[in-house]
Amino acid sequence: MEKIPPSSETMQQLRQPSKWLRILYMVLFAIAYGIAEIILTIIIVVQVVLNLLTGTINERLRQFSSDLSLYVYDTLRFLTYNTEDKPFPLSDWKKVEKTDS
């Protein structure tokens, strides 16, 4: 089978440091996403147990999980090339406005 050499345009793309830096950020934010997913799962379990035992939920955990969900959303948008804006800690931590529900 004959090897096809990469085009000069492809080689030019591969030599761009910005491409490699974004990939590095993507790896780091993919790890952060995995950690956030674990934390959210723990919060879900705690909230379910609290609700079963006391009939209430922990308001601080509810607010934190809401903020963390927004972080996960921002991280996924960055990882899927829907934005070039990097999530926290390379930008501000976004908070969801407190709701009554």
C-alpha atoms as a PDB file:
ATOM      1  CA  MET A   1       0.000   0.000   0.000  1.00  0.00           C
ATOM      2  CA  GLU A   2       1.349   3.383  -1.009  1.00  0.00           C
ATOM      3  CA  LYS A   3       1.831   6.030   1.660  1.00  0.00           C
ATOM      4  CA  ILE A   4       0.304   9.383   0.938  1.00  0.00           C
ATOM      5  CA  PRO A   5       2.399  12.210   2.374  1.00  0.00           C
ATOM      6  CA  PRO A   6       0.508  14.854   4.367  1.00  0.00           C
ATOM      7  CA  SER A   7      -0.221  18.013   2.440  1.00  0.00           C
ATOM      8  CA  SER A   8       1.594  21.205   3.290  1.00  0.00           C
ATOM      9  CA  GLU A   9      -1.698  22.632   4.565  1.00  0.00           C
ATOM     10  CA  THR A  10      -2.073  19.718   6.985  1.00  0.00           C
ATOM     11  CA  MET A  11       1.516  20.113   8.150  1.00  0.00           C
ATOM     12  CA  GLN A  12       0.937  23.829   8.655  1.00  0.00           C
ATOM     13  CA  GLN A  13      -2.115  23.072  10.809  1.00  0.00           C
ATOM     14  CA  LEU A  14      -0.177  20.519  12.882  1.00  0.00           C
ATOM     15  CA  ARG A  15       2.611  23.011  13.583  1.00  0.00           C
ATOM     16  CA  GLN A  16       0.323  25.638  15.134  1.00  0.00           C
ATOM     17  CA  PRO A  17       1.065  25.856  18.872  1.00  0.00           C
ATOM     18  CA  SER A  18      -2.444  27.188  19.556  1.00  0.00           C
ATOM     19  CA  LYS A  19      -3.941  23.887  18.365  1.00  0.00           C
ATOM     20  CA  TRP A  20      -1.767  21.873  20.747  1.00  0.00           C
ATOM     21  CA  LEU A  21      -2.417  24.262  23.629  1.00  0.00           C
ATOM     22  CA  ARG A  22      -6.176  23.884  23.135  1.00  0.00           C
ATOM     23  CA  ILE A  23      -5.797  20.097  23.160  1.00  0.00           C
ATOM     24  CA  LEU A  24      -3.890  20.352  26.444  1.00  0.00           C
ATOM     25  CA  TYR A  25      -6.680  22.509  27.909  1.00  0.00           C
ATOM     26  CA  MET A  26      -9.230  20.018  26.613  1.00  0.00           C
ATOM     27  CA  VAL A  27      -7.499  17.149  28.421  1.00  0.00           C
ATOM     28  CA  LEU A  28      -7.363  19.142  31.671  1.00  0.00           C
ATOM     29  CA  PHE A  29     -11.001  20.228  31.409  1.00  0.00           C
ATOM     30  CA  ALA A  30     -12.077  16.680  30.562  1.00  0.00           C
ATOM     31  CA  ILE A  31     -10.500  15.605  33.861  1.00  0.00           C
ATOM     32  CA  ALA A  32     -12.251  18.486  35.671  1.00  0.00           C
ATOM     33  CA  TYR A  33     -15.523  17.418  34.047  1.00  0.00           C
ATOM     34  CA  GLY A  34     -15.072  13.876  35.342  1.00  0.00           C
ATOM     35  CA  ILE A  35     -14.458  15.154  38.873  1.00  0.00           C
ATOM     36  CA  ALA A  36     -17.490  17.456  38.685  1.00  0.00           C
ATOM     37  CA  GLU A  37     -19.616  14.535  37.507  1.00  0.00           C
ATOM     38  CA  ILE A  38     -18.567  12.477  40.542  1.00  0.00           C
ATOM     39  CA  ILE A  39     -19.301  15.388  42.911  1.00  0.00           C
ATOM     40  CA  LEU A  40     -22.740  15.891  41.363  1.00  0.00           C
ATOM     41  CA  THR A  41     -23.500  12.190  41.743  1.00  0.00           C
ATOM     42  CA  ILE A  42     -22.569  12.339  45.439  1.00  0.00           C
ATOM     43  CA  ILE A  43     -24.767  15.427  45.918  1.00  0.00           C
ATOM     44  CA  ILE A  44     -27.678  13.661  44.227  1.00  0.00           C
ATOM     45  CA  VAL A  45     -27.370  10.681  46.567  1.00  0.00           C
ATOM     46  CA  VAL A  46     -27.079  12.916  49.655  1.00  0.00           C
ATOM     47  CA  GLN A  47     -30.098  14.994  48.627  1.00  0.00           C
ATOM     48  CA  VAL A  48     -32.205  11.874  47.973  1.00  0.00           C
ATOM     49  CA  VAL A  49     -31.263  10.394  51.359  1.00  0.00           C
ATOM     50  CA  LEU A  50     -31.982  13.700  53.129  1.00  0.00           C
ATOM     51  CA  ASN A  51     -35.317  13.969  51.384  1.00  0.00           C
ATOM     52  CA  LEU A  52     -36.273  10.411  52.301  1.00  0.00           C
ATOM     53  CA  LEU A  53     -35.243  10.777  55.950  1.00  0.00           C
ATOM     54  CA  THR A  54     -36.271  14.356  56.736  1.00  0.00           C
ATOM     55  CA  GLY A  55     -38.587  15.412  53.920  1.00  0.00           C
ATOM     56  CA  THR A  56     -36.311  18.355  53.110  1.00  0.00           C
ATOM     57  CA  ILE A  57     -33.239  19.050  51.021  1.00  0.00           C
ATOM     58  CA  ASN A  58     -30.056  20.907  51.910  1.00  0.00           C
ATOM     59  CA  GLU A  59     -30.392  24.385  50.400  1.00  0.00           C
ATOM     60  CA  ARG A  60     -26.628  25.001  50.268  1.00  0.00           C
ATOM     61  CA  LEU A  61     -26.065  21.739  48.394  1.00  0.00           C
ATOM     62  CA  ARG A  62     -28.924  22.603  46.031  1.00  0.00           C
ATOM     63  CA  GLN A  63     -27.388  25.995  45.231  1.00  0.00           C
ATOM     64  CA  PHE A  64     -23.872  24.543  44.864  1.00  0.00           C
ATOM     65  CA  SER A  65     -25.111  21.758  42.584  1.00  0.00           C
ATOM     66  CA  SER A  66     -26.891  24.358  40.467  1.00  0.00           C
ATOM     67  CA  ASP A  67     -23.655  26.335  40.090  1.00  0.00           C
ATOM     68  CA  LEU A  68     -21.670  23.158  39.429  1.00  0.00           C
ATOM     69  CA  SER A  69     -24.179  22.147  36.738  1.00  0.00           C
ATOM     70  CA  LEU A  70     -23.539  25.474  35.018  1.00  0.00           C
ATOM     71  CA  TYR A  71     -19.783  24.767  35.217  1.00  0.00           C
ATOM     72  CA  VAL A  72     -20.340  21.348  33.614  1.00  0.00           C
ATOM     73  CA  TYR A  73     -22.360  23.019  30.849  1.00  0.00           C
ATOM     74  CA  ASP A  74     -19.600  25.580  30.195  1.00  0.00           C
ATOM     75  CA  THR A  75     -16.960  22.832  30.218  1.00  0.00           C
ATOM     76  CA  LEU A  76     -18.877  20.695  27.733  1.00  0.00           C
ATOM     77  CA  ARG A  77     -19.361  23.702  25.435  1.00  0.00           C
ATOM     78  CA  PHE A  78     -15.580  24.238  25.457  1.00  0.00           C
ATOM     79  CA  LEU A  79     -14.802  20.545  24.944  1.00  0.00           C
ATOM     80  CA  THR A  80     -17.177  20.292  21.974  1.00  0.00           C
ATOM     81  CA  TYR A  81     -15.750  23.373  20.227  1.00  0.00           C
ATOM     82  CA  ASN A  82     -18.948  25.378  20.760  1.00  0.00           C
ATOM     83  CA  THR A  83     -16.955  28.161  22.416  1.00  0.00           C
ATOM     84  CA  GLU A  84     -13.372  29.249  22.846  1.00  0.00           C
ATOM     85  CA  ASP A  85     -14.128  30.650  26.314  1.00  0.00           C
ATOM     86  CA  LYS A  86     -12.350  28.519  28.868  1.00  0.00           C
ATOM     87  CA  PRO A  87     -14.278  27.594  32.020  1.00  0.00           C
ATOM     88  CA  PHE A  88     -13.204  28.199  35.621  1.00  0.00           C
ATOM     89  CA  PRO A  89     -10.391  28.540  36.779  1.00  0.00           C
ATOM     90  CA  LEU A  90      -9.417  30.395  33.611  1.00  0.00           C
ATOM     91  CA  SER A  91     -12.562  32.517  33.847  1.00  0.00           C
ATOM     92  CA  ASP A  92     -14.894  33.588  36.623  1.00  0.00           C
ATOM     93  CA  TRP A  93     -16.967  31.003  38.499  1.00  0.00           C
ATOM     94  CA  LYS A  94     -20.512  31.528  37.288  1.00  0.00           C
ATOM     95  CA  LYS A  95     -23.353  31.417  39.781  1.00  0.00           C
ATOM     96  CA  VAL A  96     -26.986  30.703  39.128  1.00  0.00           C
ATOM     97  CA  GLU A  97     -29.250  33.282  40.706  1.00  0.00           C
ATOM     98  CA  LYS A  98     -30.865  31.950  43.854  1.00  0.00           C
ATOM     99  CA  THR A  99     -34.331  30.615  43.190  1.00  0.00           C
ATOM    100  CA  ASP A 100     -37.214  29.867  45.542  1.00  0.00           C
ATOM    101  CA  SER A 101     -37.780  26.319  44.335  1.00  0.00           C
END
